[in-house]
Amino acid sequence: MKFILFIGFALSFTVSAQATRININEFELEYEIAGNGQHIVLLEAGGSAGMSDWEPVFEHIAEHATVIRYSRVGNGNSTAIKRHFTSRDYADYANALLVALDINQPVILVAHSYGGSVARDFAAAYPNQIKALLMLDPSSEHDVDILRAIDLERGNREIAQIKLDDMANGMSNQYLDFWSKRPLPDYPQIQDMPVTVITSVKKVENPANLFFTDQGRQMWGELWQQWANAFPQGRAVLTEKSGHFVQFDEPELVINELLALMQKLDKHD
């Protein structure tokens, strides 16, 4: 697929820039842009995380692309809120941010953890705004299936407790957000584009719940392998070297997979 090259806006940035804030609807979002590459990379952080979660890879990405990191409403130094947002709400705000920044070229979306749910909603709702997807140990609405498959009774108890803990936040009820959806979505409407998922299957000595048992780790890897392989250009990377924060544990892996996506895109341009 051919895309119009984005010129001017991207080239106006230096390799590094300071964080600033921008009005998006009724909120202010903090963001930072660096680099001056042809590709534009949007970074979507995990649940309750601000843009500082991208510190290990941000400057490295800026060496190869124009990169944008930001804090979702309620996180980081963006406007504090106490109301519930869904992953689709966040996806809408991500799109509004791109519009406000006058981004008129599809982006490569890189997402971590709960940001993966936001990214998949974004890819489904705004197909013209995205050209590749890289997810780092993303959250899944199907992780409840893993808990219940290992031990139904114990799994249901653990799920109930996780929901209670999440509700105590008072906002951004991530677990309620995607666990309560029926039927559980697989986002088949995401367009044919390069899609890569890096999944942590690192074993844990003292697992806090069934999800982190050896069996849970194996099933987690299989879940994302099956999901990624359903896409014509899908790729699943399983790692035993990283915990949940892949960008901190293996930043070089994140950069290498992102560069591989860029190379795929360049071949099709």
C-alpha atoms as a PDB file:
ATOM      1  CA  MET A   1       0.000   0.000   0.000  1.00  0.00           C
ATOM      2  CA  LYS A   2       1.318   3.455  -0.913  1.00  0.00           C
ATOM      3  CA  PHE A   3       1.282   6.270   1.623  1.00  0.00           C
ATOM      4  CA  ILE A   4       1.895   9.983   1.105  1.00  0.00           C
ATOM      5  CA  LEU A   5       5.204  10.815   2.725  1.00  0.00           C
ATOM      6  CA  PHE A   6       4.829  13.132   5.672  1.00  0.00           C
ATOM      7  CA  ILE A   7       7.210  16.045   5.155  1.00  0.00           C
ATOM      8  CA  GLY A   8       7.760  19.253   7.052  1.00  0.00           C
ATOM      9  CA  PHE A   9       6.176  18.390  10.387  1.00  0.00           C
ATOM     10  CA  ALA A  10       8.468  15.459  11.073  1.00  0.00           C
ATOM     11  CA  LEU A  11      11.547  17.208   9.770  1.00  0.00           C
ATOM     12  CA  SER A  12      10.948  20.220  11.990  1.00  0.00           C
ATOM     13  CA  PHE A  13      11.858  18.287  15.147  1.00  0.00           C
ATOM     14  CA  THR A  14      15.286  17.838  16.585  1.00  0.00           C
ATOM     15  CA  VAL A  15      16.488  14.494  17.885  1.00  0.00           C
ATOM     16  CA  SER A  16      15.226  15.416  21.343  1.00  0.00           C
ATOM     17  CA  ALA A  17      12.467  17.698  22.575  1.00  0.00           C
ATOM     18  CA  GLN A  18      11.031  18.622  25.955  1.00  0.00           C
ATOM     19  CA  ALA A  19       7.655  17.443  27.147  1.00  0.00           C
ATOM     20  CA  THR A  20       4.778  19.869  26.748  1.00  0.00           C
ATOM     21  CA  ARG A  21       0.996  19.825  27.151  1.00  0.00           C
ATOM     22  CA  ILE A  22      -1.810  20.176  24.642  1.00  0.00           C
ATOM     23  CA  ASN A  23      -5.568  20.653  25.016  1.00  0.00           C
ATOM     24  CA  ILE A  24      -7.565  17.666  23.762  1.00  0.00           C
ATOM     25  CA  ASN A  25     -11.282  18.251  24.233  1.00  0.00           C
ATOM     26  CA  GLU A  26     -11.730  19.104  27.938  1.00  0.00           C
ATOM     27  CA  PHE A  27      -8.374  17.702  29.079  1.00  0.00           C
ATOM     28  CA  GLU A  28      -4.678  18.479  28.825  1.00  0.00           C
ATOM     29  CA  LEU A  29      -2.334  15.711  27.694  1.00  0.00           C
ATOM     30  CA  GLU A  30       1.414  15.812  28.202  1.00  0.00           C
ATOM     31  CA  TYR A  31       3.454  14.649  25.240  1.00  0.00           C
ATOM     32  CA  GLU A  32       6.930  14.715  23.757  1.00  0.00           C
ATOM     33  CA  ILE A  33       8.139  14.397  20.182  1.00  0.00           C
ATOM     34  CA  ALA A  34      11.690  13.577  19.109  1.00  0.00           C
ATOM     35  CA  GLY A  35      13.525  12.467  15.982  1.00  0.00           C
ATOM     36  CA  ASN A  36      13.019  13.393  12.360  1.00  0.00           C
ATOM     37  CA  GLY A  37      12.570  10.102  10.534  1.00  0.00           C
ATOM     38  CA  GLN A  38      10.162   9.282   7.734  1.00  0.00           C
ATOM     39  CA  HIS A  39       8.115   6.899   9.889  1.00  0.00           C
ATOM     40  CA  ILE A  40       6.066   8.252  12.787  1.00  0.00           C
ATOM     41  CA  VAL A  41       5.874   6.060  15.896  1.00  0.00           C
ATOM     42  CA  LEU A  42       3.196   6.592  18.546  1.00  0.00           C
ATOM     43  CA  LEU A  43       3.906   5.036  21.954  1.00  0.00           C
ATOM     44  CA  GLU A  44       0.955   3.831  24.057  1.00  0.00           C
ATOM     45  CA  ALA A  45       1.887   3.065  27.679  1.00  0.00           C
ATOM     46  CA  GLY A  46       0.411   0.496  30.044  1.00  0.00           C
ATOM     47  CA  GLY A  47      -2.354   0.914  32.600  1.00  0.00           C
ATOM     48  CA  SER A  48      -1.954   3.857  34.999  1.00  0.00           C
ATOM     49  CA  ALA A  49       1.431   4.559  33.384  1.00  0.00           C
ATOM     50  CA  GLY A  50       2.715   7.846  32.044  1.00  0.00           C
ATOM     51  CA  MET A  51       5.013   8.498  29.149  1.00  0.00           C
ATOM     52  CA  SER A  52       8.081   7.903  31.353  1.00  0.00           C
ATOM     53  CA  ASP A  53       7.473   4.175  30.865  1.00  0.00           C
ATOM     54  CA  TRP A  54       9.140   4.580  27.462  1.00  0.00           C
ATOM     55  CA  GLU A  55      12.379   6.038  28.826  1.00  0.00           C
ATOM     56  CA  PRO A  56      14.561   2.995  27.934  1.00  0.00           C
ATOM     57  CA  VAL A  57      13.680   3.105  24.227  1.00  0.00           C
ATOM     58  CA  PHE A  58      12.460   6.622  23.455  1.00  0.00           C
ATOM     59  CA  GLU A  59      15.769   8.173  22.380  1.00  0.00           C
ATOM     60  CA  HIS A  60      16.781   5.004  20.523  1.00  0.00           C
ATOM     61  CA  ILE A  61      13.577   5.114  18.484  1.00  0.00           C
ATOM     62  CA  ALA A  62      14.216   8.813  17.772  1.00  0.00           C
ATOM     63  CA  GLU A  63      17.419   7.791  15.991  1.00  0.00           C
ATOM     64  CA  HIS A  64      15.341   5.983  13.371  1.00  0.00           C
ATOM     65  CA  ALA A  65      11.931   7.680  13.297  1.00  0.00           C
ATOM     66  CA  THR A  66       9.833  10.568  14.485  1.00  0.00           C
ATOM     67  CA  VAL A  67       8.498   9.322  17.815  1.00  0.00           C
ATOM     68  CA  ILE A  68       5.657  10.581  19.989  1.00  0.00           C
ATOM     69  CA  ARG A  69       5.090   9.541  23.582  1.00  0.00           C
ATOM     70  CA  TYR A  70       2.285  10.865  25.757  1.00  0.00           C
ATOM     71  CA  SER A  71       0.390  10.236  28.966  1.00  0.00           C
ATOM     72  CA  ARG A  72      -3.252   9.269  28.672  1.00  0.00           C
ATOM     73  CA  VAL A  73      -5.752  11.386  30.568  1.00  0.00           C
ATOM     74  CA  GLY A  74      -5.508  10.509  34.271  1.00  0.00           C
ATOM     75  CA  ASN A  75      -1.877   9.398  33.987  1.00  0.00           C
ATOM     76  CA  GLY A  76       1.498  11.103  34.281  1.00  0.00           C
ATOM     77  CA  ASN A  77       1.194  14.888  34.169  1.00  0.00           C
ATOM     78  CA  SER A  78      -1.949  14.854  32.062  1.00  0.00           C
ATOM     79  CA  THR A  79      -5.226  16.025  33.577  1.00  0.00           C
ATOM     80  CA  ALA A  80      -6.166  13.989  36.665  1.00  0.00           C
ATOM     81  CA  ILE A  81      -9.611  12.391  36.518  1.00  0.00           C
ATOM     82  CA  LYS A  82     -11.794  10.100  38.594  1.00  0.00           C
ATOM     83  CA  ARG A  83     -14.116   8.849  35.885  1.00  0.00           C
ATOM     84  CA  HIS A  84     -13.966   5.544  34.082  1.00  0.00           C
ATOM     85  CA  PHE A  85     -12.498   5.393  30.583  1.00  0.00           C
ATOM     86  CA  THR A  86     -12.673   2.385  28.279  1.00  0.00           C
ATOM     87  CA  SER A  87      -9.911   1.339  25.904  1.00  0.00           C
ATOM     88  CA  ARG A  88     -12.055   2.704  23.059  1.00  0.00           C
ATOM     89  CA  ASP A  89     -12.336   6.060  24.850  1.00  0.00           C
ATOM     90  CA  TYR A  90      -8.555   6.175  25.113  1.00  0.00           C
ATOM     91  CA  ALA A  91      -8.232   5.197  21.445  1.00  0.00           C
ATOM     92  CA  ASP A  92     -10.452   8.124  20.506  1.00  0.00           C
ATOM     93  CA  TYR A  93      -8.232  10.478  22.488  1.00  0.00           C
ATOM     94  CA  ALA A  94      -5.113   9.052  20.849  1.00  0.00           C
ATOM     95  CA  ASN A  95      -6.643   9.811  17.474  1.00  0.00           C
ATOM     96  CA  ALA A  96      -7.628  13.306  18.634  1.00  0.00           C
ATOM     97  CA  LEU A  97      -4.029  13.871  19.747  1.00  0.00           C
ATOM     98  CA  LEU A  98      -2.730  12.959  16.292  1.00  0.00           C
ATOM     99  CA  VAL A  99      -5.253  15.300  14.690  1.00  0.00           C
ATOM    100  CA  ALA A 100      -4.280  18.138  17.046  1.00  0.00           C
ATOM    101  CA  LEU A 101      -0.610  17.572  16.188  1.00  0.00           C
ATOM    102  CA  ASP A 102      -1.492  17.727  12.468  1.00  0.00           C
ATOM    103  CA  ILE A 103      -0.290  14.183  11.833  1.00  0.00           C
ATOM    104  CA  ASN A 104      -1.651  13.299   8.393  1.00  0.00           C
ATOM    105  CA  GLN A 105       0.273  10.082   7.823  1.00  0.00           C
ATOM    106  CA  PRO A 106      -0.499   6.618   9.261  1.00  0.00           C
ATOM    107  CA  VAL A 107       1.615   5.826  12.309  1.00  0.00           C
ATOM    108  CA  ILE A 108       3.356   2.766  13.668  1.00  0.00           C
ATOM    109  CA  LEU A 109       1.680   2.137  17.011  1.00  0.00           C
ATOM    110  CA  VAL A 110       3.835   0.609  19.749  1.00  0.00           C
ATOM    111  CA  ALA A 111       1.913  -0.380  22.868  1.00  0.00           C
ATOM    112  CA  HIS A 112       2.636  -2.003  26.224  1.00  0.00           C
ATOM    113  CA  SER A 113       0.311  -3.964  28.527  1.00  0.00           C
ATOM    114  CA  TYR A 114      -3.134  -2.286  28.761  1.00  0.00           C
ATOM    115  CA  GLY A 115      -1.950  -0.008  25.984  1.00  0.00           C
ATOM    116  CA  GLY A 116      -2.304  -3.085  23.768  1.00  0.00           C
ATOM    117  CA  SER A 117      -6.067  -3.008  24.315  1.00  0.00           C
ATOM    118  CA  VAL A 118      -6.099   0.681  23.449  1.00  0.00           C
ATOM    119  CA  ALA A 119      -3.969  -0.007  20.375  1.00  0.00           C
ATOM    120  CA  ARG A 120      -6.240  -2.767  19.074  1.00  0.00           C
ATOM    121  CA  ASP A 121      -9.285  -0.527  19.506  1.00  0.00           C
ATOM    122  CA  PHE A 122      -7.384   2.226  17.694  1.00  0.00           C
ATOM    123  CA  ALA A 123      -6.417  -0.093  14.831  1.00  0.00           C
ATOM    124  CA  ALA A 124     -10.012  -1.271  14.425  1.00  0.00           C
ATOM    125  CA  ALA A 125     -11.593   2.190  14.655  1.00  0.00           C
ATOM    126  CA  TYR A 126      -9.012   4.230  12.718  1.00  0.00           C
ATOM    127  CA  PRO A 127      -7.567   1.988   9.999  1.00  0.00           C
ATOM    128  CA  ASN A 128      -6.371   4.964   7.959  1.00  0.00           C
ATOM    129  CA  GLN A 129      -4.315   6.267  10.868  1.00  0.00           C
ATOM    130  CA  ILE A 130      -2.160   3.180  11.433  1.00  0.00           C
ATOM    131  CA  LYS A 131       0.194   1.179   9.211  1.00  0.00           C
ATOM    132  CA  ALA A 132       1.839  -1.255  11.650  1.00  0.00           C
ATOM    133  CA  LEU A 133       1.340  -2.512  15.190  1.00  0.00           C
ATOM    134  CA  LEU A 134       3.911  -3.641  17.748  1.00  0.00           C
ATOM    135  CA  MET A 135       2.605  -4.797  21.134  1.00  0.00           C
ATOM    136  CA  LEU A 136       4.749  -5.586  24.182  1.00  0.00           C
ATOM    137  CA  ASP A 137       3.247  -8.201  26.498  1.00  0.00           C
ATOM    138  CA  PRO A 138      -0.207  -6.730  25.845  1.00  0.00           C
ATOM    139  CA  SER A 139      -3.238  -7.246  28.038  1.00  0.00           C
ATOM    140  CA  SER A 140      -5.846  -9.642  26.724  1.00  0.00           C
ATOM    141  CA  GLU A 141      -9.536 -10.079  27.392  1.00  0.00           C
ATOM    142  CA  HIS A 142      -8.818 -13.824  27.203  1.00  0.00           C
ATOM    143  CA  ASP A 143      -6.461 -13.997  30.180  1.00  0.00           C
ATOM    144  CA  VAL A 144      -9.484 -14.919  32.319  1.00  0.00           C
ATOM    145  CA  ASP A 145      -9.790 -18.042  30.178  1.00  0.00           C
ATOM    146  CA  ILE A 146      -6.289 -19.064  31.241  1.00  0.00           C
ATOM    147  CA  LEU A 147      -7.072 -18.744  34.957  1.00  0.00           C
ATOM    148  CA  ARG A 148     -10.285 -20.715  34.638  1.00  0.00           C
ATOM    149  CA  ALA A 149      -8.762 -23.400  32.428  1.00  0.00           C
ATOM    150  CA  ILE A 150      -6.060 -24.151  34.997  1.00  0.00           C
ATOM    151  CA  ASP A 151      -8.374 -24.227  38.029  1.00  0.00           C
ATOM    152  CA  LEU A 152     -11.966 -23.012  37.612  1.00  0.00           C
ATOM    153  CA  GLU A 153     -12.788 -22.454  41.293  1.00  0.00           C
ATOM    154  CA  ARG A 154      -9.500 -20.829  42.247  1.00  0.00           C
ATOM    155  CA  GLY A 155      -9.413 -18.894  38.988  1.00  0.00           C
ATOM    156  CA  ASN A 156     -12.818 -17.336  39.647  1.00  0.00           C
ATOM    157  CA  ARG A 157     -11.697 -16.305  43.143  1.00  0.00           C
ATOM    158  CA  GLU A 158      -8.570 -14.670  41.778  1.00  0.00           C
ATOM    159  CA  ILE A 159     -10.531 -12.890  39.039  1.00  0.00           C
ATOM    160  CA  ALA A 160     -12.987 -11.510  41.620  1.00  0.00           C
ATOM    161  CA  GLN A 161     -10.138 -10.151  43.740  1.00  0.00           C
ATOM    162  CA  ILE A 162      -8.386  -8.549  40.772  1.00  0.00           C
ATOM    163  CA  LYS A 163     -11.611  -6.787  39.830  1.00  0.00           C
ATOM    164  CA  LEU A 164     -12.034  -5.474  43.381  1.00  0.00           C
ATOM    165  CA  ASP A 165      -8.458  -4.206  43.439  1.00  0.00           C
ATOM    166  CA  ASP A 166      -8.977  -2.478  40.104  1.00  0.00           C
ATOM    167  CA  MET A 167     -12.238  -0.841  41.166  1.00  0.00           C
ATOM    168  CA  ALA A 168     -10.475   0.613  44.208  1.00  0.00           C
ATOM    169  CA  ASN A 169      -8.657   2.906  41.769  1.00  0.00           C
ATOM    170  CA  GLY A 170     -11.820   4.880  41.128  1.00  0.00           C
ATOM    171  CA  MET A 171     -10.975   5.346  37.456  1.00  0.00           C
ATOM    172  CA  SER A 172      -9.568   3.521  34.466  1.00  0.00           C
ATOM    173  CA  ASN A 173     -11.041   0.192  35.508  1.00  0.00           C
ATOM    174  CA  GLN A 174      -8.972  -1.801  33.068  1.00  0.00           C
ATOM    175  CA  TYR A 175     -10.016  -5.278  34.108  1.00  0.00           C
ATOM    176  CA  LEU A 176     -13.699  -4.428  34.154  1.00  0.00           C
ATOM    177  CA  ASP A 177     -13.204  -2.702  30.819  1.00  0.00           C
ATOM    178  CA  PHE A 178     -12.247  -5.687  28.740  1.00  0.00           C
ATOM    179  CA  TRP A 179     -13.266  -8.644  30.919  1.00  0.00           C
ATOM    180  CA  SER A 180     -16.896  -7.485  30.934  1.00  0.00           C
ATOM    181  CA  LYS A 181     -17.227  -7.320  27.149  1.00  0.00           C
ATOM    182  CA  ARG A 182     -19.351 -10.029  25.565  1.00  0.00           C
ATOM    183  CA  PRO A 183     -18.560 -11.636  23.298  1.00  0.00           C
ATOM    184  CA  LEU A 184     -14.859 -11.256  24.008  1.00  0.00           C
ATOM    185  CA  PRO A 185     -13.382  -9.465  20.976  1.00  0.00           C
ATOM    186  CA  ASP A 186     -10.461 -10.697  18.902  1.00  0.00           C
ATOM    187  CA  TYR A 187     -10.434  -7.592  16.695  1.00  0.00           C
ATOM    188  CA  PRO A 188     -10.642  -9.426  13.340  1.00  0.00           C
ATOM    189  CA  GLN A 189     -11.469  -6.089  11.701  1.00  0.00           C
ATOM    190  CA  ILE A 190      -7.865  -4.905  12.039  1.00  0.00           C
ATOM    191  CA  GLN A 191      -6.585  -4.382   8.505  1.00  0.00           C
ATOM    192  CA  ASP A 192      -3.885  -6.409   6.790  1.00  0.00           C
ATOM    193  CA  MET A 193      -0.683  -4.774   7.978  1.00  0.00           C
ATOM    194  CA  PRO A 194       2.488  -5.841   9.811  1.00  0.00           C
ATOM    195  CA  VAL A 195       1.511  -6.929  13.325  1.00  0.00           C
ATOM    196  CA  THR A 196       4.092  -8.097  15.876  1.00  0.00           C
ATOM    197  CA  VAL A 197       3.491  -9.221  19.448  1.00  0.00           C
ATOM    198  CA  ILE A 198       6.345  -9.667  21.937  1.00  0.00           C
ATOM    199  CA  THR A 199       5.123 -11.867  24.779  1.00  0.00           C
ATOM    200  CA  SER A 200       6.836 -12.575  28.077  1.00  0.00           C
ATOM    201  CA  VAL A 201       6.775 -16.252  29.030  1.00  0.00           C
ATOM    202  CA  LYS A 202       9.389 -15.845  31.760  1.00  0.00           C
ATOM    203  CA  LYS A 203       8.867 -18.301  34.598  1.00  0.00           C
ATOM    204  CA  VAL A 204       8.255 -16.986  38.100  1.00  0.00           C
ATOM    205  CA  GLU A 205       9.601 -18.637  41.247  1.00  0.00           C
ATOM    206  CA  ASN A 206       6.693 -17.718  43.510  1.00  0.00           C
ATOM    207  CA  PRO A 207       3.689 -16.971  41.257  1.00  0.00           C
ATOM    208  CA  ALA A 208       1.202 -14.562  42.807  1.00  0.00           C
ATOM    209  CA  ASN A 209      -1.690 -16.244  41.004  1.00  0.00           C
ATOM    210  CA  LEU A 210      -2.471 -18.941  38.447  1.00  0.00           C
ATOM    211  CA  PHE A 211      -1.646 -16.622  35.574  1.00  0.00           C
ATOM    212  CA  PHE A 212       2.045 -16.675  36.523  1.00  0.00           C
ATOM    213  CA  THR A 213       2.383 -20.411  37.029  1.00  0.00           C
ATOM    214  CA  ASP A 214       4.429 -22.371  34.497  1.00  0.00           C
ATOM    215  CA  GLN A 215       1.225 -23.603  32.894  1.00  0.00           C
ATOM    216  CA  GLY A 216      -0.166 -20.085  32.794  1.00  0.00           C
ATOM    217  CA  ARG A 217       3.023 -18.767  31.157  1.00  0.00           C
ATOM    218  CA  GLN A 218       2.834 -21.438  28.471  1.00  0.00           C
ATOM    219  CA  MET A 219      -0.830 -20.769  27.750  1.00  0.00           C
ATOM    220  CA  TRP A 220      -0.154 -17.012  27.629  1.00  0.00           C
ATOM    221  CA  GLY A 221       2.472 -17.505  24.937  1.00  0.00           C
ATOM    222  CA  GLU A 222       0.220 -19.834  22.951  1.00  0.00           C
ATOM    223  CA  LEU A 223      -2.663 -17.364  23.139  1.00  0.00           C
ATOM    224  CA  TRP A 224      -0.661 -14.562  21.535  1.00  0.00           C
ATOM    225  CA  GLN A 225       0.981 -16.870  19.007  1.00  0.00           C
ATOM    226  CA  GLN A 226      -2.446 -17.913  17.761  1.00  0.00           C
ATOM    227  CA  TRP A 227      -3.671 -14.322  17.657  1.00  0.00           C
ATOM    228  CA  ALA A 228      -0.668 -12.971  15.759  1.00  0.00           C
ATOM    229  CA  ASN A 229      -0.573 -15.891  13.331  1.00  0.00           C
ATOM    230  CA  ALA A 230      -4.153 -15.165  12.291  1.00  0.00           C
ATOM    231  CA  PHE A 231      -2.871 -12.053  10.491  1.00  0.00           C
ATOM    232  CA  PRO A 232      -1.241 -12.424   7.055  1.00  0.00           C
ATOM    233  CA  GLN A 233       1.694 -10.304   8.250  1.00  0.00           C
ATOM    234  CA  GLY A 234       1.531 -11.372  11.879  1.00  0.00           C
ATOM    235  CA  ARG A 235       4.532 -12.331  13.984  1.00  0.00           C
ATOM    236  CA  ALA A 236       4.776 -13.565  17.583  1.00  0.00           C
ATOM    237  CA  VAL A 237       8.010 -13.322  19.579  1.00  0.00           C
ATOM    238  CA  LEU A 238       8.160 -15.227  22.864  1.00  0.00           C
ATOM    239  CA  THR A 239      10.822 -14.199  25.356  1.00  0.00           C
ATOM    240  CA  GLU A 240      11.945 -15.819  28.596  1.00  0.00           C
ATOM    241  CA  LYS A 241      14.411 -13.008  29.306  1.00  0.00           C
ATOM    242  CA  SER A 242      11.845 -10.286  29.979  1.00  0.00           C
ATOM    243  CA  GLY A 243       9.200  -9.868  32.606  1.00  0.00           C
ATOM    244  CA  HIS A 244       6.117  -7.809  31.881  1.00  0.00           C
ATOM    245  CA  PHE A 245       8.109  -4.623  31.148  1.00  0.00           C
ATOM    246  CA  VAL A 246       9.844  -5.757  27.989  1.00  0.00           C
ATOM    247  CA  GLN A 247      11.018  -2.248  27.126  1.00  0.00           C
ATOM    248  CA  PHE A 248      13.022  -2.160  30.378  1.00  0.00           C
ATOM    249  CA  ASP A 249      14.287  -5.742  30.372  1.00  0.00           C
ATOM    250  CA  GLU A 250      15.097  -6.073  26.662  1.00  0.00           C
ATOM    251  CA  PRO A 251      15.080  -2.641  25.025  1.00  0.00           C
ATOM    252  CA  GLU A 252      17.228  -3.969  22.202  1.00  0.00           C
ATOM    253  CA  LEU A 253      14.579  -6.557  21.352  1.00  0.00           C
ATOM    254  CA  VAL A 254      11.932  -3.838  21.118  1.00  0.00           C
ATOM    255  CA  ILE A 255      14.138  -1.706  18.857  1.00  0.00           C
ATOM    256  CA  ASN A 256      15.045  -4.653  16.623  1.00  0.00           C
ATOM    257  CA  GLU A 257      11.416  -5.698  16.133  1.00  0.00           C
ATOM    258  CA  LEU A 258      10.410  -2.093  15.439  1.00  0.00           C
ATOM    259  CA  LEU A 259      13.168  -1.765  12.831  1.00  0.00           C
ATOM    260  CA  ALA A 260      11.989  -5.021  11.244  1.00  0.00           C
ATOM    261  CA  LEU A 261       8.485  -3.556  10.926  1.00  0.00           C
ATOM    262  CA  MET A 262       9.907  -0.434   9.317  1.00  0.00           C
ATOM    263  CA  GLN A 263      11.822  -2.535   6.812  1.00  0.00           C
ATOM    264  CA  LYS A 264       8.621  -4.377   5.881  1.00  0.00           C
ATOM    265  CA  LEU A 265       6.846  -1.091   5.335  1.00  0.00           C
ATOM    266  CA  ASP A 266       9.697   0.313   3.250  1.00  0.00           C
ATOM    267  CA  LYS A 267       9.577  -2.696   0.929  1.00  0.00           C
ATOM    268  CA  HIS A 268       5.889  -2.064   0.226  1.00  0.00           C
ATOM    269  CA  ASP A 269       6.245   1.686  -0.384  1.00  0.00           C
END
